Each structure stands twice: as structure tokens, then as C-alpha cells.
Amino acid sequence: MINNILQDREKRYCEILSLIIKYSMPVVCGKINYPGDNKNTIEAQSAFRILQQLLRERFTENSKHIQVLSGHDGSSILIATNFKSLEAKKIAVSLEANHSLGRIFDIDVYETDGSPISRESLGIESRRCIICSDDARICMRTGCHSLQEVVDRVNQLIHYNI
């Protein structure tokens, strides 16, 4: 299963690069940070529909292309946008910070050279752990929390906010 997820991530990145080449503009990629091997649960799909709606509301007017992908890594939406890449990233970070489901939104913005814009490049701290609020990357790397604990917390957040 993990190989299928990794293959889907690679396909998505290739599609992002293809859109960058075709439109010569930044690409916004939105998906749900859902733990575990099953990225297509009812909860993940419900949260994705909300994310998709929010991104369409914010970017459709200033976009050349929108497409939705689905697979083993869950659903994602790709938007080739007329916004400057830093402006698009500010919108993305605002959604992640201010929406009730923002903790599980994963909205990346890719420059026209294919590189993602980091939160740090905007002077914004890295994402916090959904369980303990420490740096999420450290908790993931060290396995501070069980997979079930994280899945339960994410599902609780989704059920509470939809």
C-alpha cells in the first residue's frame, strides 16, 4: 500500500510540473493530511470536499486550470493560478490557520521552477502537532504518538467541524 501512495505522490508532482510548463504560472495543490495507509476514508473525503470548495472560492477567478486527482494518496486539487506565488501561499496559510479544519489541510504552492514555497520563507513557523502542539515534523519522525491516536484525533476534528 505504501508503494501505491508514493507512486501517487510522484504522479501528482509530475502533473504539477506539467501544469507549470503548460501555463507558466504557479500551481496550488490542496489535499488532506490524513494519517495512515487509507487516505480515502469517509472522513478524509468529507474534509477534502470542504477544502476543494474553499480553494475554488479563493482561486477560480484567478486561475487558468483546475483539476482534481484521486488515488491511493487521497484526493487532491491542482490549480494553475495567476496569483504571484507568495500571494497564493499567503492565501493557503491563511486557510490553514483560520479554518476549523485547517490543521489537516495541506495546501502547497509551487513556483514556476517546480519548487514548493515553505512556510518559513514567509516567516511563519512550521506546522504544529495535532496532538501535543510541538513541531509536527519532530513528532512524526520520533513517533511520539501512536497512529491510532492521531487517526482518532483527526477523525474527531472532522466530525466536530462538518
N, C-alpha and C. Protein backbone atom coordinates (compact mmCIF):
# COMPACT_ATOMS: atom_id res chain seq x y z
N MET A 1 0.82 -1.21 0.00
CA MET A 1 0.00 0.00 0.00
C MET A 1 0.86 1.26 0.00
N ILE A 2 1.95 1.26 0.79
CA ILE A 2 2.79 2.44 0.87
C ILE A 2 3.42 2.76 -0.49
N ASN A 3 3.77 1.71 -1.27
CA ASN A 3 4.31 1.95 -2.61
C ASN A 3 3.30 2.65 -3.50
N ASN A 4 2.02 2.27 -3.39
CA ASN A 4 0.97 2.91 -4.17
C ASN A 4 0.82 4.38 -3.80
N ILE A 5 0.91 4.67 -2.52
CA ILE A 5 0.82 6.06 -2.05
C ILE A 5 1.98 6.87 -2.60
N LEU A 6 3.19 6.31 -2.51
CA LEU A 6 4.36 7.01 -3.02
C LEU A 6 4.29 7.22 -4.53
N GLN A 7 3.78 6.23 -5.24
CA GLN A 7 3.61 6.36 -6.69
C GLN A 7 2.61 7.46 -7.02
N ASP A 8 1.52 7.53 -6.26
CA ASP A 8 0.53 8.60 -6.48
C ASP A 8 1.13 9.97 -6.21
N ARG A 9 1.96 10.09 -5.20
CA ARG A 9 2.60 11.37 -4.90
C ARG A 9 3.52 11.78 -6.05
N GLU A 10 4.24 10.81 -6.59
CA GLU A 10 5.13 11.10 -7.73
C GLU A 10 4.31 11.52 -8.96
N LYS A 11 3.20 10.82 -9.21
CA LYS A 11 2.33 11.19 -10.35
C LYS A 11 1.79 12.60 -10.17
N ARG A 12 1.38 12.93 -8.94
CA ARG A 12 0.84 14.26 -8.68
C ARG A 12 1.90 15.33 -8.94
N TYR A 13 3.12 15.09 -8.47
CA TYR A 13 4.18 16.07 -8.69
C TYR A 13 4.48 16.22 -10.19
N CYS A 14 4.47 15.12 -10.92
CA CYS A 14 4.68 15.20 -12.37
C CYS A 14 3.56 16.01 -13.03
N GLU A 15 2.35 15.85 -12.56
CA GLU A 15 1.23 16.63 -13.10
C GLU A 15 1.39 18.11 -12.76
N ILE A 16 1.87 18.41 -11.56
CA ILE A 16 2.15 19.80 -11.16
C ILE A 16 3.18 20.41 -12.11
N LEU A 17 4.26 19.67 -12.36
CA LEU A 17 5.30 20.16 -13.27
C LEU A 17 4.74 20.36 -14.68
N SER A 18 3.89 19.45 -15.10
CA SER A 18 3.26 19.57 -16.42
C SER A 18 2.42 20.85 -16.53
N LEU A 19 1.66 21.15 -15.46
CA LEU A 19 0.84 22.37 -15.46
C LEU A 19 1.72 23.62 -15.44
N ILE A 20 2.81 23.58 -14.70
CA ILE A 20 3.73 24.72 -14.65
C ILE A 20 4.30 24.98 -16.05
N ILE A 21 4.71 23.91 -16.73
CA ILE A 21 5.25 24.05 -18.08
C ILE A 21 4.18 24.57 -19.04
N LYS A 22 2.99 24.02 -18.96
CA LYS A 22 1.92 24.40 -19.89
C LYS A 22 1.46 25.84 -19.70
N TYR A 23 1.32 26.28 -18.44
CA TYR A 23 0.73 27.60 -18.17
C TYR A 23 1.74 28.66 -17.72
N SER A 24 2.96 28.27 -17.41
CA SER A 24 4.00 29.20 -16.94
C SER A 24 3.50 30.05 -15.77
N MET A 25 2.88 29.39 -14.83
CA MET A 25 2.38 30.07 -13.64
C MET A 25 2.45 29.13 -12.44
N PRO A 26 2.38 29.70 -11.23
CA PRO A 26 2.41 28.86 -10.03
C PRO A 26 1.22 27.89 -9.99
N VAL A 27 1.42 26.79 -9.29
CA VAL A 27 0.36 25.80 -9.11
C VAL A 27 0.11 25.61 -7.62
N VAL A 28 -1.17 25.69 -7.24
CA VAL A 28 -1.62 25.42 -5.88
C VAL A 28 -2.07 23.96 -5.84
N CYS A 29 -1.63 23.24 -4.83
CA CYS A 29 -2.04 21.84 -4.64
C CYS A 29 -2.64 21.71 -3.25
N GLY A 30 -3.91 21.33 -3.18
CA GLY A 30 -4.58 21.14 -1.90
C GLY A 30 -4.95 19.69 -1.69
N LYS A 31 -4.64 19.19 -0.50
CA LYS A 31 -5.04 17.83 -0.11
C LYS A 31 -5.24 17.78 1.39
N ILE A 32 -5.65 16.65 1.87
CA ILE A 32 -5.89 16.47 3.30
C ILE A 32 -4.72 15.70 3.91
N ASN A 33 -4.19 16.20 5.03
CA ASN A 33 -3.18 15.48 5.80
C ASN A 33 -3.92 14.43 6.61
N TYR A 34 -4.02 13.23 6.08
CA TYR A 34 -4.74 12.17 6.77
C TYR A 34 -3.76 11.06 7.10
N PRO A 35 -3.67 10.68 8.37
CA PRO A 35 -2.67 9.69 8.78
C PRO A 35 -3.03 8.27 8.34
N GLY A 36 -2.01 7.43 8.23
CA GLY A 36 -2.23 6.02 7.94
C GLY A 36 -2.19 5.71 6.45
N ASP A 37 -2.45 4.45 6.15
CA ASP A 37 -2.39 3.97 4.76
C ASP A 37 -3.66 4.23 3.97
N ASN A 38 -4.80 4.35 4.65
CA ASN A 38 -6.07 4.59 3.95
C ASN A 38 -6.36 6.08 3.94
N LYS A 39 -6.07 6.71 2.82
CA LYS A 39 -6.26 8.16 2.67
C LYS A 39 -7.63 8.48 2.08
N ASN A 40 -8.46 7.45 1.88
CA ASN A 40 -9.75 7.64 1.23
C ASN A 40 -10.92 7.27 2.14
N THR A 41 -10.80 7.52 3.42
CA THR A 41 -11.89 7.25 4.35
C THR A 41 -13.04 8.24 4.09
N ILE A 42 -14.18 7.94 4.64
CA ILE A 42 -15.33 8.85 4.54
C ILE A 42 -14.96 10.20 5.13
N GLU A 43 -14.24 10.18 6.25
CA GLU A 43 -13.85 11.42 6.91
C GLU A 43 -12.90 12.24 6.03
N ALA A 44 -11.91 11.59 5.45
CA ALA A 44 -10.95 12.29 4.59
C ALA A 44 -11.65 12.89 3.38
N GLN A 45 -12.57 12.15 2.79
CA GLN A 45 -13.29 12.65 1.62
C GLN A 45 -14.21 13.82 1.99
N SER A 46 -14.83 13.77 3.16
CA SER A 46 -15.68 14.88 3.61
C SER A 46 -14.85 16.14 3.80
N ALA A 47 -13.69 15.99 4.44
CA ALA A 47 -12.81 17.14 4.65
C ALA A 47 -12.30 17.67 3.31
N PHE A 48 -11.99 16.78 2.37
CA PHE A 48 -11.50 17.22 1.07
C PHE A 48 -12.55 18.04 0.32
N ARG A 49 -13.80 17.63 0.40
CA ARG A 49 -14.86 18.41 -0.28
C ARG A 49 -14.90 19.84 0.24
N ILE A 50 -14.71 20.01 1.54
CA ILE A 50 -14.69 21.36 2.12
C ILE A 50 -13.46 22.13 1.62
N LEU A 51 -12.30 21.49 1.65
CA LEU A 51 -11.08 22.13 1.16
C LEU A 51 -11.23 22.52 -0.31
N GLN A 52 -11.74 21.61 -1.10
CA GLN A 52 -11.91 21.87 -2.53
C GLN A 52 -12.81 23.10 -2.76
N GLN A 53 -13.91 23.17 -2.03
CA GLN A 53 -14.82 24.31 -2.15
C GLN A 53 -14.11 25.62 -1.78
N LEU A 54 -13.36 25.61 -0.68
CA LEU A 54 -12.64 26.81 -0.24
C LEU A 54 -11.62 27.26 -1.29
N LEU A 55 -10.87 26.31 -1.83
CA LEU A 55 -9.86 26.67 -2.82
C LEU A 55 -10.49 27.17 -4.11
N ARG A 56 -11.59 26.56 -4.51
CA ARG A 56 -12.28 27.06 -5.71
C ARG A 56 -12.79 28.49 -5.48
N GLU A 57 -13.33 28.76 -4.29
CA GLU A 57 -13.81 30.11 -3.98
C GLU A 57 -12.69 31.13 -4.04
N ARG A 58 -11.51 30.77 -3.54
CA ARG A 58 -10.39 31.72 -3.46
C ARG A 58 -9.63 31.88 -4.78
N PHE A 59 -9.59 30.80 -5.60
CA PHE A 59 -8.69 30.82 -6.75
C PHE A 59 -9.35 30.76 -8.12
N THR A 60 -10.59 30.34 -8.24
CA THR A 60 -11.19 30.14 -9.56
C THR A 60 -11.11 31.38 -10.44
N GLU A 61 -11.43 32.53 -9.89
CA GLU A 61 -11.44 33.76 -10.68
C GLU A 61 -10.06 34.09 -11.25
N ASN A 62 -9.01 33.66 -10.57
CA ASN A 62 -7.64 33.96 -10.99
C ASN A 62 -6.89 32.70 -11.42
N SER A 63 -7.59 31.78 -12.07
CA SER A 63 -6.93 30.54 -12.47
C SER A 63 -7.12 30.27 -13.96
N LYS A 64 -6.20 29.50 -14.49
CA LYS A 64 -6.26 29.06 -15.89
C LYS A 64 -6.71 27.61 -15.99
N HIS A 65 -6.51 26.86 -14.92
CA HIS A 65 -6.80 25.43 -14.98
C HIS A 65 -7.03 24.90 -13.57
N ILE A 66 -8.05 24.06 -13.43
CA ILE A 66 -8.34 23.38 -12.15
C ILE A 66 -8.61 21.92 -12.47
N GLN A 67 -7.99 21.03 -11.70
CA GLN A 67 -8.30 19.62 -11.86
C GLN A 67 -8.22 18.92 -10.51
N VAL A 68 -8.99 17.85 -10.39
CA VAL A 68 -9.00 17.05 -9.17
C VAL A 68 -8.42 15.68 -9.51
N LEU A 69 -7.51 15.23 -8.67
CA LEU A 69 -6.90 13.92 -8.81
C LEU A 69 -7.37 13.05 -7.64
N SER A 70 -7.42 11.75 -7.87
CA SER A 70 -7.73 10.84 -6.76
C SER A 70 -6.90 9.58 -6.93
N GLY A 71 -6.64 8.92 -5.81
CA GLY A 71 -5.85 7.70 -5.85
C GLY A 71 -5.57 7.22 -4.44
N HIS A 72 -4.54 6.41 -4.31
CA HIS A 72 -4.19 5.83 -3.01
C HIS A 72 -3.75 6.87 -1.99
N ASP A 73 -3.26 8.02 -2.46
CA ASP A 73 -2.84 9.09 -1.56
C ASP A 73 -3.99 10.06 -1.26
N GLY A 74 -5.20 9.67 -1.57
CA GLY A 74 -6.36 10.52 -1.34
C GLY A 74 -6.61 11.43 -2.52
N SER A 75 -7.52 12.36 -2.33
CA SER A 75 -7.86 13.31 -3.38
C SER A 75 -7.02 14.57 -3.24
N SER A 76 -6.79 15.22 -4.37
CA SER A 76 -6.09 16.50 -4.36
C SER A 76 -6.66 17.37 -5.47
N ILE A 77 -6.51 18.67 -5.29
CA ILE A 77 -6.94 19.63 -6.30
C ILE A 77 -5.72 20.44 -6.72
N LEU A 78 -5.55 20.58 -8.03
CA LEU A 78 -4.45 21.35 -8.59
C LEU A 78 -5.02 22.57 -9.30
N ILE A 79 -4.44 23.73 -9.03
CA ILE A 79 -4.93 24.97 -9.62
C ILE A 79 -3.74 25.76 -10.16
N ALA A 80 -3.73 25.98 -11.48
CA ALA A 80 -2.73 26.87 -12.08
C ALA A 80 -3.30 28.28 -11.93
N THR A 81 -2.59 29.12 -11.19
CA THR A 81 -3.16 30.42 -10.80
C THR A 81 -2.36 31.61 -11.32
N ASN A 82 -3.08 32.69 -11.59
CA ASN A 82 -2.47 33.96 -11.99
C ASN A 82 -1.85 34.70 -10.80
N PHE A 83 -2.19 34.30 -9.57
CA PHE A 83 -1.62 34.95 -8.40
C PHE A 83 -0.10 34.77 -8.42
N LYS A 84 0.61 35.75 -7.90
CA LYS A 84 2.04 35.57 -7.64
C LYS A 84 2.17 34.45 -6.61
N SER A 85 3.23 33.70 -6.68
CA SER A 85 3.37 32.52 -5.82
C SER A 85 3.32 32.87 -4.33
N LEU A 86 3.96 33.96 -3.93
CA LEU A 86 3.93 34.32 -2.50
C LEU A 86 2.53 34.73 -2.06
N GLU A 87 1.79 35.41 -2.93
CA GLU A 87 0.42 35.79 -2.60
C GLU A 87 -0.46 34.54 -2.46
N ALA A 88 -0.28 33.58 -3.36
CA ALA A 88 -1.03 32.32 -3.29
C ALA A 88 -0.70 31.59 -1.99
N LYS A 89 0.58 31.59 -1.60
CA LYS A 89 0.98 30.90 -0.36
C LYS A 89 0.38 31.60 0.86
N LYS A 90 0.30 32.92 0.83
CA LYS A 90 -0.33 33.65 1.94
C LYS A 90 -1.80 33.26 2.08
N ILE A 91 -2.50 33.11 0.96
CA ILE A 91 -3.90 32.67 0.99
C ILE A 91 -3.97 31.26 1.57
N ALA A 92 -3.08 30.39 1.12
CA ALA A 92 -3.06 29.00 1.60
C ALA A 92 -2.83 28.93 3.10
N VAL A 93 -1.84 29.66 3.58
CA VAL A 93 -1.51 29.65 5.01
C VAL A 93 -2.67 30.23 5.82
N SER A 94 -3.33 31.24 5.28
CA SER A 94 -4.48 31.82 5.97
C SER A 94 -5.60 30.79 6.12
N LEU A 95 -5.86 30.01 5.09
CA LEU A 95 -6.88 28.95 5.18
C LEU A 95 -6.47 27.91 6.22
N GLU A 96 -5.20 27.51 6.19
CA GLU A 96 -4.73 26.51 7.14
C GLU A 96 -4.80 27.03 8.58
N ALA A 97 -4.57 28.33 8.76
CA ALA A 97 -4.53 28.90 10.11
C ALA A 97 -5.90 29.27 10.64
N ASN A 98 -6.83 29.61 9.76
CA ASN A 98 -8.09 30.20 10.22
C ASN A 98 -9.33 29.33 10.06
N HIS A 99 -9.27 28.30 9.26
CA HIS A 99 -10.45 27.44 9.09
C HIS A 99 -10.45 26.39 10.20
N SER A 100 -11.63 25.97 10.62
CA SER A 100 -11.74 24.98 11.70
C SER A 100 -11.10 23.63 11.33
N LEU A 101 -10.98 23.33 10.05
CA LEU A 101 -10.31 22.10 9.61
C LEU A 101 -8.89 22.37 9.10
N GLY A 102 -8.43 23.59 9.26
CA GLY A 102 -7.15 23.99 8.71
C GLY A 102 -5.97 23.17 9.18
N ARG A 103 -6.07 22.58 10.36
CA ARG A 103 -4.98 21.75 10.88
C ARG A 103 -4.70 20.55 10.00
N ILE A 104 -5.70 20.08 9.27
CA ILE A 104 -5.49 18.91 8.41
C ILE A 104 -5.43 19.27 6.93
N PHE A 105 -5.61 20.55 6.59
CA PHE A 105 -5.44 20.98 5.21
C PHE A 105 -3.95 21.01 4.89
N ASP A 106 -3.60 20.54 3.73
CA ASP A 106 -2.22 20.61 3.25
C ASP A 106 -2.27 21.33 1.90
N ILE A 107 -1.95 22.62 1.92
CA ILE A 107 -2.03 23.44 0.71
C ILE A 107 -0.62 23.91 0.37
N ASP A 108 -0.09 23.36 -0.71
CA ASP A 108 1.24 23.73 -1.16
C ASP A 108 1.12 24.63 -2.38
N VAL A 109 2.09 25.50 -2.54
CA VAL A 109 2.18 26.35 -3.72
C VAL A 109 3.55 26.11 -4.33
N TYR A 110 3.55 25.82 -5.63
CA TYR A 110 4.78 25.53 -6.35
C TYR A 110 5.14 26.70 -7.27
N GLU A 111 6.40 27.12 -7.16
CA GLU A 111 6.94 28.18 -8.02
C GLU A 111 7.01 27.68 -9.46
N THR A 112 7.27 28.58 -10.39
CA THR A 112 7.37 28.19 -11.79
C THR A 112 8.62 27.36 -12.09
N ASP A 113 9.52 27.20 -11.12
CA ASP A 113 10.66 26.29 -11.30
C ASP A 113 10.36 24.91 -10.69
N GLY A 114 9.14 24.73 -10.16
CA GLY A 114 8.74 23.44 -9.59
C GLY A 114 9.01 23.27 -8.12
N SER A 115 9.63 24.26 -7.48
CA SER A 115 9.94 24.14 -6.06
C SER A 115 8.77 24.65 -5.21
N PRO A 116 8.49 23.97 -4.10
CA PRO A 116 7.42 24.42 -3.21
C PRO A 116 7.87 25.61 -2.37
N ILE A 117 6.94 26.48 -2.04
CA ILE A 117 7.24 27.61 -1.15
C ILE A 117 7.01 27.15 0.28
N SER A 118 8.00 27.34 1.11
CA SER A 118 7.88 26.91 2.50
C SER A 118 7.20 27.98 3.34
N ARG A 119 6.62 27.55 4.44
CA ARG A 119 6.04 28.48 5.40
C ARG A 119 7.15 29.38 5.95
N GLU A 120 8.31 28.81 6.15
CA GLU A 120 9.44 29.55 6.70
C GLU A 120 9.84 30.72 5.79
N SER A 121 9.68 30.56 4.47
CA SER A 121 10.05 31.64 3.55
C SER A 121 9.15 32.86 3.73
N LEU A 122 8.00 32.66 4.36
CA LEU A 122 7.10 33.77 4.68
C LEU A 122 7.29 34.23 6.13
N GLY A 123 8.24 33.62 6.81
CA GLY A 123 8.46 33.98 8.21
C GLY A 123 7.44 33.37 9.14
N ILE A 124 6.82 32.27 8.71
CA ILE A 124 5.79 31.60 9.50
C ILE A 124 6.36 30.29 10.04
N GLU A 125 6.09 30.01 11.29
CA GLU A 125 6.64 28.80 11.90
C GLU A 125 6.04 27.55 11.26
N SER A 126 6.75 26.44 11.41
CA SER A 126 6.30 25.17 10.85
C SER A 126 5.02 24.69 11.52
N ARG A 127 4.38 23.72 10.88
CA ARG A 127 3.11 23.20 11.39
C ARG A 127 3.31 22.57 12.75
N ARG A 128 2.26 22.65 13.58
CA ARG A 128 2.28 22.10 14.93
C ARG A 128 1.58 20.75 14.93
N CYS A 129 1.98 19.89 15.83
CA CYS A 129 1.37 18.56 16.00
C CYS A 129 -0.08 18.71 16.44
N ILE A 130 -0.94 17.92 15.87
CA ILE A 130 -2.37 17.97 16.18
C ILE A 130 -2.67 17.41 17.57
N ILE A 131 -1.74 16.65 18.12
CA ILE A 131 -1.93 16.07 19.46
C ILE A 131 -1.33 16.96 20.56
N CYS A 132 -0.04 17.32 20.41
CA CYS A 132 0.64 18.00 21.52
C CYS A 132 1.10 19.42 21.21
N SER A 133 0.95 19.87 19.99
CA SER A 133 1.34 21.22 19.55
C SER A 133 2.84 21.46 19.46
N ASP A 134 3.66 20.41 19.59
CA ASP A 134 5.09 20.55 19.29
C ASP A 134 5.25 20.61 17.77
N ASP A 135 6.47 20.75 17.29
CA ASP A 135 6.74 20.75 15.85
C ASP A 135 6.27 19.40 15.28
N ALA A 136 5.35 19.45 14.31
CA ALA A 136 4.76 18.23 13.76
C ALA A 136 5.80 17.32 13.14
N ARG A 137 6.81 17.89 12.49
CA ARG A 137 7.84 17.06 11.84
C ARG A 137 8.61 16.24 12.87
N ILE A 138 8.88 16.83 14.03
CA ILE A 138 9.62 16.11 15.07
C ILE A 138 8.76 14.97 15.62
N CYS A 139 7.49 15.24 15.88
CA CYS A 139 6.60 14.19 16.39
C CYS A 139 6.49 13.03 15.39
N MET A 140 6.39 13.37 14.10
CA MET A 140 6.30 12.32 13.09
C MET A 140 7.58 11.49 13.05
N ARG A 141 8.71 12.17 13.04
CA ARG A 141 10.00 11.50 12.93
C ARG A 141 10.27 10.59 14.12
N THR A 142 9.90 11.06 15.32
CA THR A 142 10.22 10.30 16.54
C THR A 142 9.11 9.35 16.96
N GLY A 143 7.94 9.41 16.30
CA GLY A 143 6.84 8.52 16.64
C GLY A 143 6.29 8.77 18.03
N CYS A 144 6.19 10.04 18.40
CA CYS A 144 5.71 10.42 19.74
C CYS A 144 4.30 9.90 20.04
N HIS A 145 3.49 9.79 19.00
CA HIS A 145 2.09 9.42 19.18
C HIS A 145 1.78 8.20 18.31
N SER A 146 0.90 7.35 18.80
CA SER A 146 0.53 6.17 18.01
C SER A 146 -0.31 6.60 16.81
N LEU A 147 -0.25 5.80 15.77
CA LEU A 147 -1.05 6.06 14.57
C LEU A 147 -2.53 6.16 14.95
N GLN A 148 -3.00 5.24 15.80
CA GLN A 148 -4.41 5.25 16.18
C GLN A 148 -4.78 6.54 16.91
N GLU A 149 -3.90 7.02 17.76
CA GLU A 149 -4.15 8.27 18.49
C GLU A 149 -4.32 9.43 17.51
N VAL A 150 -3.46 9.48 16.49
CA VAL A 150 -3.53 10.56 15.51
C VAL A 150 -4.78 10.42 14.64
N VAL A 151 -5.08 9.21 14.18
CA VAL A 151 -6.29 8.97 13.37
C VAL A 151 -7.52 9.38 14.16
N ASP A 152 -7.60 8.97 15.42
CA ASP A 152 -8.76 9.31 16.25
C ASP A 152 -8.91 10.82 16.40
N ARG A 153 -7.80 11.52 16.61
CA ARG A 153 -7.86 12.98 16.78
C ARG A 153 -8.29 13.66 15.49
N VAL A 154 -7.75 13.22 14.35
CA VAL A 154 -8.13 13.80 13.06
C VAL A 154 -9.61 13.53 12.78
N ASN A 155 -10.08 12.32 13.00
CA ASN A 155 -11.49 11.99 12.76
C ASN A 155 -12.39 12.81 13.69
N GLN A 156 -11.97 12.98 14.93
CA GLN A 156 -12.74 13.78 15.88
C GLN A 156 -12.85 15.21 15.38
N LEU A 157 -11.77 15.76 14.90
CA LEU A 157 -11.77 17.13 14.37
C LEU A 157 -12.73 17.23 13.18
N ILE A 158 -12.66 16.27 12.28
CA ILE A 158 -13.53 16.30 11.10
C ILE A 158 -14.99 16.18 11.51
N HIS A 159 -15.32 15.20 12.35
CA HIS A 159 -16.71 15.01 12.77
C HIS A 159 -17.26 16.23 13.49
N TYR A 160 -16.43 16.89 14.25
CA TYR A 160 -16.86 18.07 15.01
C TYR A 160 -17.13 19.27 14.09
N ASN A 161 -16.44 19.32 12.95
CA ASN A 161 -16.49 20.51 12.10
C ASN A 161 -17.23 20.36 10.77
N ILE A 162 -17.88 19.22 10.56
CA ILE A 162 -18.68 19.11 9.32
C ILE A 162 -20.12 18.83 9.63
